[in-house]
Amino acid sequence: MFEGYKKYLLIKYCWDCGTDDGVDCRTKKEADAWARRYIREGWETVACINTELKRIEFVFGQPGGVLKWFIPTTAEALRQNSRIPEYLYN
């Protein structure tokens, strides 16, 4: 991987704004810290996507409907590769 590569992508959601990209992070620890900050700032949900393994690493806040944020092919890949309980996606 090149030097500027960042493995973790944060996506945040709130009822008023919909989804928005958060920061990209090199480590899961860094992603965790940013996700907690977004929740404190008022975002309702923050999902961390591992871009190498194509999976959801964690979801903070109200996780219902996270897969609906993505186009169907991406949502299916994330569902298959993630280890988060299925009920959290609906």
PDB file of N, CA and C in Angstrom:
ATOM      1  N   MET A   1       0.831  -1.187   0.000  1.00  0.00           N
ATOM      2  CA  MET A   1       0.000   0.000   0.000  1.00  0.00           C
ATOM      3  C   MET A   1       0.878   1.254   0.000  1.00  0.00           C
ATOM      4  N   PHE A   2       0.378   2.288  -0.618  1.00  0.00           N
ATOM      5  CA  PHE A   2       1.148   3.524  -0.638  1.00  0.00           C
ATOM      6  C   PHE A   2       0.999   4.274   0.680  1.00  0.00           C
ATOM      7  N   GLU A   3       1.903   5.209   0.917  1.00  0.00           N
ATOM      8  CA  GLU A   3       2.019   5.876   2.208  1.00  0.00           C
ATOM      9  C   GLU A   3       0.742   6.577   2.672  1.00  0.00           C
ATOM     10  N   GLY A   4      -0.008   7.180   1.761  1.00  0.00           N
ATOM     11  CA  GLY A   4      -1.203   7.920   2.133  1.00  0.00           C
ATOM     12  C   GLY A   4      -2.456   7.071   2.276  1.00  0.00           C
ATOM     13  N   TYR A   5      -2.314   5.757   2.082  1.00  0.00           N
ATOM     14  CA  TYR A   5      -3.466   4.855   2.115  1.00  0.00           C
ATOM     15  C   TYR A   5      -4.111   4.825   3.492  1.00  0.00           C
ATOM     16  N   LYS A   6      -5.434   4.876   3.506  1.00  0.00           N
ATOM     17  CA  LYS A   6      -6.186   4.804   4.756  1.00  0.00           C
ATOM     18  C   LYS A   6      -7.215   3.689   4.629  1.00  0.00           C
ATOM     19  N   LYS A   7      -7.118   2.724   5.503  1.00  0.00           N
ATOM     20  CA  LYS A   7      -7.881   1.476   5.424  1.00  0.00           C
ATOM     21  C   LYS A   7      -9.341   1.613   5.854  1.00  0.00           C
ATOM     22  N   TYR A   8      -9.641   2.512   6.777  1.00  0.00           N
ATOM     23  CA  TYR A   8     -10.974   2.603   7.354  1.00  0.00           C
ATOM     24  C   TYR A   8     -11.715   3.858   6.905  1.00  0.00           C
ATOM     25  N   LEU A   9     -12.913   3.665   6.426  1.00  0.00           N
ATOM     26  CA  LEU A   9     -13.771   4.746   5.954  1.00  0.00           C
ATOM     27  C   LEU A   9     -14.931   4.885   6.938  1.00  0.00           C
ATOM     28  N   LEU A  10     -15.179   6.093   7.399  1.00  0.00           N
ATOM     29  CA  LEU A  10     -16.319   6.347   8.278  1.00  0.00           C
ATOM     30  C   LEU A  10     -17.447   6.983   7.480  1.00  0.00           C
ATOM     31  N   ILE A  11     -18.648   6.492   7.729  1.00  0.00           N
ATOM     32  CA  ILE A  11     -19.846   7.065   7.126  1.00  0.00           C
ATOM     33  C   ILE A  11     -20.786   7.401   8.267  1.00  0.00           C
ATOM     34  N   LYS A  12     -21.264   8.625   8.274  1.00  0.00           N
ATOM     35  CA  LYS A  12     -22.126   9.084   9.362  1.00  0.00           C
ATOM     36  C   LYS A  12     -23.528   9.369   8.826  1.00  0.00           C
ATOM     37  N   TYR A  13     -24.515   9.308   9.718  1.00  0.00           N
ATOM     38  CA  TYR A  13     -25.908   9.496   9.329  1.00  0.00           C
ATOM     39  C   TYR A  13     -26.643  10.276  10.410  1.00  0.00           C
ATOM     40  N   CYS A  14     -27.523  11.157   9.959  1.00  0.00           N
ATOM     41  CA  CYS A  14     -28.510  11.770  10.855  1.00  0.00           C
ATOM     42  C   CYS A  14     -29.789  11.986  10.055  1.00  0.00           C
ATOM     43  N   TRP A  15     -30.872  11.988  10.739  1.00  0.00           N
ATOM     44  CA  TRP A  15     -32.186  12.097  10.107  1.00  0.00           C
ATOM     45  C   TRP A  15     -32.294  13.347   9.245  1.00  0.00           C
ATOM     46  N   ASP A  16     -31.808  14.469   9.741  1.00  0.00           N
ATOM     47  CA  ASP A  16     -31.919  15.747   9.023  1.00  0.00           C
ATOM     48  C   ASP A  16     -31.045  15.821   7.770  1.00  0.00           C
ATOM     49  N   CYS A  17     -29.844  15.248   7.825  1.00  0.00           N
ATOM     50  CA  CYS A  17     -28.868  15.400   6.735  1.00  0.00           C
ATOM     51  C   CYS A  17     -28.737  14.181   5.826  1.00  0.00           C
ATOM     52  N   GLY A  18     -29.135  13.029   6.303  1.00  0.00           N
ATOM     53  CA  GLY A  18     -28.884  11.798   5.563  1.00  0.00           C
ATOM     54  C   GLY A  18     -27.470  11.316   5.837  1.00  0.00           C
ATOM     55  N   THR A  19     -26.836  10.681   4.852  1.00  0.00           N
ATOM     56  CA  THR A  19     -25.477  10.176   5.048  1.00  0.00           C
ATOM     57  C   THR A  19     -24.449  11.178   4.564  1.00  0.00           C
ATOM     58  N   ASP A  20     -23.258  11.073   5.149  1.00  0.00           N
ATOM     59  CA  ASP A  20     -22.142  11.916   4.756  1.00  0.00           C
ATOM     60  C   ASP A  20     -20.857  11.159   5.061  1.00  0.00           C
ATOM     61  N   ASP A  21     -19.847  11.385   4.245  1.00  0.00           N
ATOM     62  CA  ASP A  21     -18.555  10.766   4.508  1.00  0.00           C
ATOM     63  C   ASP A  21     -17.919  11.404   5.726  1.00  0.00           C
ATOM     64  N   GLY A  22     -17.321  10.565   6.543  1.00  0.00           N
ATOM     65  CA  GLY A  22     -16.499  11.047   7.636  1.00  0.00           C
ATOM     66  C   GLY A  22     -15.047  10.997   7.185  1.00  0.00           C
ATOM     67  N   VAL A  23     -14.149  11.024   8.142  1.00  0.00           N
ATOM     68  CA  VAL A  23     -12.728  10.966   7.797  1.00  0.00           C
ATOM     69  C   VAL A  23     -12.336   9.538   7.429  1.00  0.00           C
ATOM     70  N   ASP A  24     -11.259   9.413   6.684  1.00  0.00           N
ATOM     71  CA  ASP A  24     -10.638   8.120   6.415  1.00  0.00           C
ATOM     72  C   ASP A  24      -9.502   7.967   7.424  1.00  0.00           C
ATOM     73  N   CYS A  25      -9.343   6.761   7.947  1.00  0.00           N
ATOM     74  CA  CYS A  25      -8.373   6.539   9.013  1.00  0.00           C
ATOM     75  C   CYS A  25      -7.426   5.391   8.679  1.00  0.00           C
ATOM     76  N   ARG A  26      -6.223   5.481   9.188  1.00  0.00           N
ATOM     77  CA  ARG A  26      -5.236   4.423   8.965  1.00  0.00           C
ATOM     78  C   ARG A  26      -5.448   3.240   9.917  1.00  0.00           C
ATOM     79  N   THR A  27      -5.871   3.516  11.156  1.00  0.00           N
ATOM     80  CA  THR A  27      -6.018   2.452  12.149  1.00  0.00           C
ATOM     81  C   THR A  27      -7.460   2.383  12.654  1.00  0.00           C
ATOM     82  N   LYS A  28      -7.820   1.223  13.163  1.00  0.00           N
ATOM     83  CA  LYS A  28      -9.151   1.043  13.726  1.00  0.00           C
ATOM     84  C   LYS A  28      -9.311   1.897  14.991  1.00  0.00           C
ATOM     85  N   LYS A  29      -8.249   2.047  15.750  1.00  0.00           N
ATOM     86  CA  LYS A  29      -8.284   2.878  16.956  1.00  0.00           C
ATOM     87  C   LYS A  29      -8.602   4.332  16.602  1.00  0.00           C
ATOM     88  N   GLU A  30      -7.976   4.823  15.546  1.00  0.00           N
ATOM     89  CA  GLU A  30      -8.238   6.189  15.086  1.00  0.00           C
ATOM     90  C   GLU A  30      -9.688   6.318  14.606  1.00  0.00           C
ATOM     91  N   ALA A  31     -10.171   5.313  13.874  1.00  0.00           N
ATOM     92  CA  ALA A  31     -11.559   5.322  13.393  1.00  0.00           C
ATOM     93  C   ALA A  31     -12.528   5.317  14.565  1.00  0.00           C
ATOM     94  N   ASP A  32     -12.233   4.524  15.585  1.00  0.00           N
ATOM     95  CA  ASP A  32     -13.078   4.460  16.779  1.00  0.00           C
ATOM     96  C   ASP A  32     -13.183   5.833  17.441  1.00  0.00           C
ATOM     97  N   ALA A  33     -12.051   6.508  17.583  1.00  0.00           N
ATOM     98  CA  ALA A  33     -12.041   7.830  18.222  1.00  0.00           C
ATOM     99  C   ALA A  33     -12.869   8.838  17.423  1.00  0.00           C
ATOM    100  N   TRP A  34     -12.703   8.847  16.100  1.00  0.00           N
ATOM    101  CA  TRP A  34     -13.484   9.765  15.260  1.00  0.00           C
ATOM    102  C   TRP A  34     -14.969   9.434  15.314  1.00  0.00           C
ATOM    103  N   ALA A  35     -15.313   8.153  15.292  1.00  0.00           N
ATOM    104  CA  ALA A  35     -16.725   7.751  15.332  1.00  0.00           C
ATOM    105  C   ALA A  35     -17.377   8.226  16.627  1.00  0.00           C
ATOM    106  N   ARG A  36     -16.694   8.047  17.738  1.00  0.00           N
ATOM    107  CA  ARG A  36     -17.236   8.521  19.026  1.00  0.00           C
ATOM    108  C   ARG A  36     -17.409  10.043  19.027  1.00  0.00           C
ATOM    109  N   ARG A  37     -16.483  10.732  18.406  1.00  0.00           N
ATOM    110  CA  ARG A  37     -16.582  12.196  18.306  1.00  0.00           C
ATOM    111  C   ARG A  37     -17.818  12.593  17.502  1.00  0.00           C
ATOM    112  N   TYR A  38     -18.053  11.921  16.362  1.00  0.00           N
ATOM    113  CA  TYR A  38     -19.231  12.223  15.549  1.00  0.00           C
ATOM    114  C   TYR A  38     -20.528  11.985  16.324  1.00  0.00           C
ATOM    115  N   ILE A  39     -20.583  10.928  17.109  1.00  0.00           N
ATOM    116  CA  ILE A  39     -21.778  10.653  17.926  1.00  0.00           C
ATOM    117  C   ILE A  39     -21.973  11.775  18.948  1.00  0.00           C
ATOM    118  N   ARG A  40     -20.896  12.206  19.578  1.00  0.00           N
ATOM    119  CA  ARG A  40     -20.985  13.316  20.546  1.00  0.00           C
ATOM    120  C   ARG A  40     -21.437  14.608  19.872  1.00  0.00           C
ATOM    121  N   GLU A  41     -21.068  14.793  18.600  1.00  0.00           N
ATOM    122  CA  GLU A  41     -21.450  15.999  17.858  1.00  0.00           C
ATOM    123  C   GLU A  41     -22.905  15.971  17.404  1.00  0.00           C
ATOM    124  N   GLY A  42     -23.579  14.834  17.560  1.00  0.00           N
ATOM    125  CA  GLY A  42     -24.996  14.788  17.228  1.00  0.00           C
ATOM    126  C   GLY A  42     -25.382  13.881  16.070  1.00  0.00           C
ATOM    127  N   TRP A  43     -24.430  13.248  15.412  1.00  0.00           N
ATOM    128  CA  TRP A  43     -24.778  12.287  14.368  1.00  0.00           C
ATOM    129  C   TRP A  43     -25.439  11.087  15.037  1.00  0.00           C
ATOM    130  N   GLU A  44     -26.465  10.550  14.418  1.00  0.00           N
ATOM    131  CA  GLU A  44     -27.212   9.447  15.024  1.00  0.00           C
ATOM    132  C   GLU A  44     -26.519   8.099  14.872  1.00  0.00           C
ATOM    133  N   THR A  45     -25.829   7.911  13.750  1.00  0.00           N
ATOM    134  CA  THR A  45     -25.181   6.631  13.470  1.00  0.00           C
ATOM    135  C   THR A  45     -23.861   6.881  12.764  1.00  0.00           C
ATOM    136  N   VAL A  46     -22.858   6.077  13.115  1.00  0.00           N
ATOM    137  CA  VAL A  46     -21.576   6.107  12.416  1.00  0.00           C
ATOM    138  C   VAL A  46     -21.172   4.661  12.153  1.00  0.00           C
ATOM    139  N   ALA A  47     -20.871   4.362  10.892  1.00  0.00           N
ATOM    140  CA  ALA A  47     -20.414   3.028  10.506  1.00  0.00           C
ATOM    141  C   ALA A  47     -18.965   3.117  10.028  1.00  0.00           C
ATOM    142  N   CYS A  48     -18.168   2.132  10.412  1.00  0.00           N
ATOM    143  CA  CYS A  48     -16.781   2.054   9.993  1.00  0.00           C
ATOM    144  C   CYS A  48     -16.648   0.923   8.981  1.00  0.00           C
ATOM    145  N   ILE A  49     -16.180   1.256   7.784  1.00  0.00           N
ATOM    146  CA  ILE A  49     -16.011   0.281   6.711  1.00  0.00           C
ATOM    147  C   ILE A  49     -14.529  -0.024   6.535  1.00  0.00           C
ATOM    148  N   ASN A  50     -14.191  -1.308   6.582  1.00  0.00           N
ATOM    149  CA  ASN A  50     -12.839  -1.763   6.294  1.00  0.00           C
ATOM    150  C   ASN A  50     -12.752  -1.903   4.781  1.00  0.00           C
ATOM    151  N   THR A  51     -12.000  -1.035   4.132  1.00  0.00           N
ATOM    152  CA  THR A  51     -11.971  -1.009   2.673  1.00  0.00           C
ATOM    153  C   THR A  51     -11.158  -2.152   2.071  1.00  0.00           C
ATOM    154  N   GLU A  52     -10.269  -2.772   2.855  1.00  0.00           N
ATOM    155  CA  GLU A  52      -9.511  -3.922   2.357  1.00  0.00           C
ATOM    156  C   GLU A  52     -10.360  -5.184   2.353  1.00  0.00           C
ATOM    157  N   LEU A  53     -11.045  -5.430   3.462  1.00  0.00           N
ATOM    158  CA  LEU A  53     -11.833  -6.655   3.608  1.00  0.00           C
ATOM    159  C   LEU A  53     -13.278  -6.485   3.163  1.00  0.00           C
ATOM    160  N   LYS A  54     -13.648  -5.260   2.777  1.00  0.00           N
ATOM    161  CA  LYS A  54     -15.010  -4.968   2.302  1.00  0.00           C
ATOM    162  C   LYS A  54     -16.058  -5.418   3.326  1.00  0.00           C
ATOM    163  N   ARG A  55     -15.879  -4.940   4.560  1.00  0.00           N
ATOM    164  CA  ARG A  55     -16.825  -5.302   5.616  1.00  0.00           C
ATOM    165  C   ARG A  55     -17.035  -4.135   6.577  1.00  0.00           C
ATOM    166  N   ILE A  56     -18.137  -4.224   7.302  1.00  0.00           N
ATOM    167  CA  ILE A  56     -18.434  -3.248   8.348  1.00  0.00           C
ATOM    168  C   ILE A  56     -17.710  -3.707   9.605  1.00  0.00           C
ATOM    169  N   GLU A  57     -16.838  -2.869  10.132  1.00  0.00           N
ATOM    170  CA  GLU A  57     -16.089  -3.212  11.341  1.00  0.00           C
ATOM    171  C   GLU A  57     -16.907  -2.958  12.599  1.00  0.00           C
ATOM    172  N   PHE A  58     -17.573  -1.797  12.649  1.00  0.00           N
ATOM    173  CA  PHE A  58     -18.421  -1.489  13.801  1.00  0.00           C
ATOM    174  C   PHE A  58     -19.431  -0.426  13.410  1.00  0.00           C
ATOM    175  N   VAL A  59     -20.482  -0.345  14.205  1.00  0.00           N
ATOM    176  CA  VAL A  59     -21.519   0.669  14.032  1.00  0.00           C
ATOM    177  C   VAL A  59     -21.798   1.250  15.406  1.00  0.00           C
ATOM    178  N   PHE A  60     -21.733   2.574  15.532  1.00  0.00           N
ATOM    179  CA  PHE A  60     -22.093   3.261  16.768  1.00  0.00           C
ATOM    180  C   PHE A  60     -23.410   3.980  16.548  1.00  0.00           C
ATOM    181  N   GLY A  61     -24.177   4.110  17.627  1.00  0.00           N
ATOM    182  CA  GLY A  61     -25.439   4.832  17.545  1.00  0.00           C
ATOM    183  C   GLY A  61     -26.583   3.902  17.214  1.00  0.00           C
ATOM    184  N   GLN A  62     -27.456   4.354  16.347  1.00  0.00           N
ATOM    185  CA  GLN A  62     -28.664   3.611  15.972  1.00  0.00           C
ATOM    186  C   GLN A  62     -28.415   2.906  14.640  1.00  0.00           C
ATOM    187  N   PRO A  63     -28.065   1.619  14.685  1.00  0.00           N
ATOM    188  CA  PRO A  63     -27.577   0.959  13.468  1.00  0.00           C
ATOM    189  C   PRO A  63     -28.624   0.499  12.465  1.00  0.00           C
ATOM    190  N   GLY A  64     -29.889   0.583  12.781  1.00  0.00           N
ATOM    191  CA  GLY A  64     -30.900   0.096  11.856  1.00  0.00           C
ATOM    192  C   GLY A  64     -30.796   0.727  10.477  1.00  0.00           C
ATOM    193  N   GLY A  65     -30.775  -0.111   9.452  1.00  0.00           N
ATOM    194  CA  GLY A  65     -30.804   0.383   8.090  1.00  0.00           C
ATOM    195  C   GLY A  65     -29.474   0.773   7.481  1.00  0.00           C
ATOM    196  N   VAL A  66     -28.359   0.408   8.092  1.00  0.00           N
ATOM    197  CA  VAL A  66     -27.049   0.805   7.572  1.00  0.00           C
ATOM    198  C   VAL A  66     -26.854   0.339   6.128  1.00  0.00           C
ATOM    199  N   LEU A  67     -27.256  -0.862   5.803  1.00  0.00           N
ATOM    200  CA  LEU A  67     -27.040  -1.359   4.449  1.00  0.00           C
ATOM    201  C   LEU A  67     -27.835  -0.598   3.397  1.00  0.00           C
ATOM    202  N   LYS A  68     -28.881   0.084   3.805  1.00  0.00           N
ATOM    203  CA  LYS A  68     -29.682   0.878   2.863  1.00  0.00           C
ATOM    204  C   LYS A  68     -28.925   2.112   2.382  1.00  0.00           C
ATOM    205  N   TRP A  69     -27.806   2.420   3.003  1.00  0.00           N
ATOM    206  CA  TRP A  69     -26.996   3.567   2.604  1.00  0.00           C
ATOM    207  C   TRP A  69     -26.221   3.294   1.317  1.00  0.00           C
ATOM    208  N   PHE A  70     -26.136   2.043   0.907  1.00  0.00           N
ATOM    209  CA  PHE A  70     -25.269   1.634  -0.191  1.00  0.00           C
ATOM    210  C   PHE A  70     -26.073   1.106  -1.374  1.00  0.00           C
ATOM    211  N   ILE A  71     -25.449   1.125  -2.560  1.00  0.00           N
ATOM    212  CA  ILE A  71     -26.085   0.506  -3.716  1.00  0.00           C
ATOM    213  C   ILE A  71     -26.187  -1.002  -3.447  1.00  0.00           C
ATOM    214  N   PRO A  72     -27.143  -1.699  -4.074  1.00  0.00           N
ATOM    215  CA  PRO A  72     -27.390  -3.110  -3.748  1.00  0.00           C
ATOM    216  C   PRO A  72     -26.163  -4.024  -3.808  1.00  0.00           C
ATOM    217  N   THR A  73     -25.309  -3.894  -4.807  1.00  0.00           N
ATOM    218  CA  THR A  73     -24.152  -4.798  -4.897  1.00  0.00           C
ATOM    219  C   THR A  73     -23.160  -4.564  -3.755  1.00  0.00           C
ATOM    220  N   THR A  74     -22.962  -3.322  -3.388  1.00  0.00           N
ATOM    221  CA  THR A  74     -22.071  -3.008  -2.268  1.00  0.00           C
ATOM    222  C   THR A  74     -22.688  -3.470  -0.957  1.00  0.00           C
ATOM    223  N   ALA A  75     -23.973  -3.231  -0.787  1.00  0.00           N
ATOM    224  CA  ALA A  75     -24.663  -3.660   0.434  1.00  0.00           C
ATOM    225  C   ALA A  75     -24.565  -5.170   0.613  1.00  0.00           C
ATOM    226  N   GLU A  76     -24.725  -5.919  -0.463  1.00  0.00           N
ATOM    227  CA  GLU A  76     -24.650  -7.378  -0.375  1.00  0.00           C
ATOM    228  C   GLU A  76     -23.241  -7.837  -0.008  1.00  0.00           C
ATOM    229  N   ALA A  77     -22.228  -7.237  -0.599  1.00  0.00           N
ATOM    230  CA  ALA A  77     -20.844  -7.589  -0.259  1.00  0.00           C
ATOM    231  C   ALA A  77     -20.551  -7.288   1.209  1.00  0.00           C
ATOM    232  N   LEU A  78     -20.992  -6.140   1.689  1.00  0.00           N
ATOM    233  CA  LEU A  78     -20.791  -5.791   3.095  1.00  0.00           C
ATOM    234  C   LEU A  78     -21.531  -6.765   4.015  1.00  0.00           C
ATOM    235  N   ARG A  79     -22.757  -7.118   3.655  1.00  0.00           N
ATOM    236  CA  ARG A  79     -23.529  -8.049   4.476  1.00  0.00           C
ATOM    237  C   ARG A  79     -22.833  -9.398   4.571  1.00  0.00           C
ATOM    238  N   GLN A  80     -22.335  -9.890   3.458  1.00  0.00           N
ATOM    239  CA  GLN A  80     -21.687 -11.198   3.441  1.00  0.00           C
ATOM    240  C   GLN A  80     -20.358 -11.213   4.188  1.00  0.00           C
ATOM    241  N   ASN A  81     -19.633 -10.123   4.164  1.00  0.00           N
ATOM    242  CA  ASN A  81     -18.297 -10.088   4.768  1.00  0.00           C
ATOM    243  C   ASN A  81     -18.277  -9.621   6.214  1.00  0.00           C
ATOM    244  N   SER A  82     -19.360  -9.036   6.693  1.00  0.00           N
ATOM    245  CA  SER A  82     -19.385  -8.474   8.043  1.00  0.00           C
ATOM    246  C   SER A  82     -19.860  -9.503   9.050  1.00  0.00           C
ATOM    247  N   ARG A  83     -19.427  -9.298  10.286  1.00  0.00           N
ATOM    248  CA  ARG A  83     -19.789 -10.208  11.366  1.00  0.00           C
ATOM    249  C   ARG A  83     -20.751  -9.561  12.365  1.00  0.00           C
ATOM    250  N   ILE A  84     -21.456  -8.559  11.918  1.00  0.00           N
ATOM    251  CA  ILE A  84     -22.420  -7.860  12.764  1.00  0.00           C
ATOM    252  C   ILE A  84     -23.770  -8.559  12.624  1.00  0.00           C
ATOM    253  N   PRO A  85     -24.513  -8.723  13.731  1.00  0.00           N
ATOM    254  CA  PRO A  85     -25.808  -9.418  13.659  1.00  0.00           C
ATOM    255  C   PRO A  85     -26.751  -8.828  12.609  1.00  0.00           C
ATOM    256  N   GLU A  86     -27.407  -9.671  11.883  1.00  0.00           N
ATOM    257  CA  GLU A  86     -28.277  -9.291  10.784  1.00  0.00           C
ATOM    258  C   GLU A  86     -29.370  -8.288  11.204  1.00  0.00           C
ATOM    259  N   TYR A  87     -29.917  -8.443  12.410  1.00  0.00           N
ATOM    260  CA  TYR A  87     -31.003  -7.558  12.840  1.00  0.00           C
ATOM    261  C   TYR A  87     -30.575  -6.096  12.904  1.00  0.00           C
ATOM    262  N   LEU A  88     -29.286  -5.828  13.011  1.00  0.00           N
ATOM    263  CA  LEU A  88     -28.825  -4.444  13.066  1.00  0.00           C
ATOM    264  C   LEU A  88     -28.913  -3.738  11.719  1.00  0.00           C
ATOM    265  N   TYR A  89     -29.033  -4.490  10.640  1.00  0.00           N
ATOM    266  CA  TYR A  89     -29.052  -3.901   9.308  1.00  0.00           C
ATOM    267  C   TYR A  89     -30.435  -3.489   8.849  1.00  0.00           C
ATOM    268  N   ASN A  90     -31.464  -4.039   9.420  1.00  0.00           N
ATOM    269  CA  ASN A  90     -32.846  -3.802   8.954  1.00  0.00           C
ATOM    270  C   ASN A  90     -33.429  -2.533   9.515  1.00  0.00           C
TER     271      ASN A  90
END
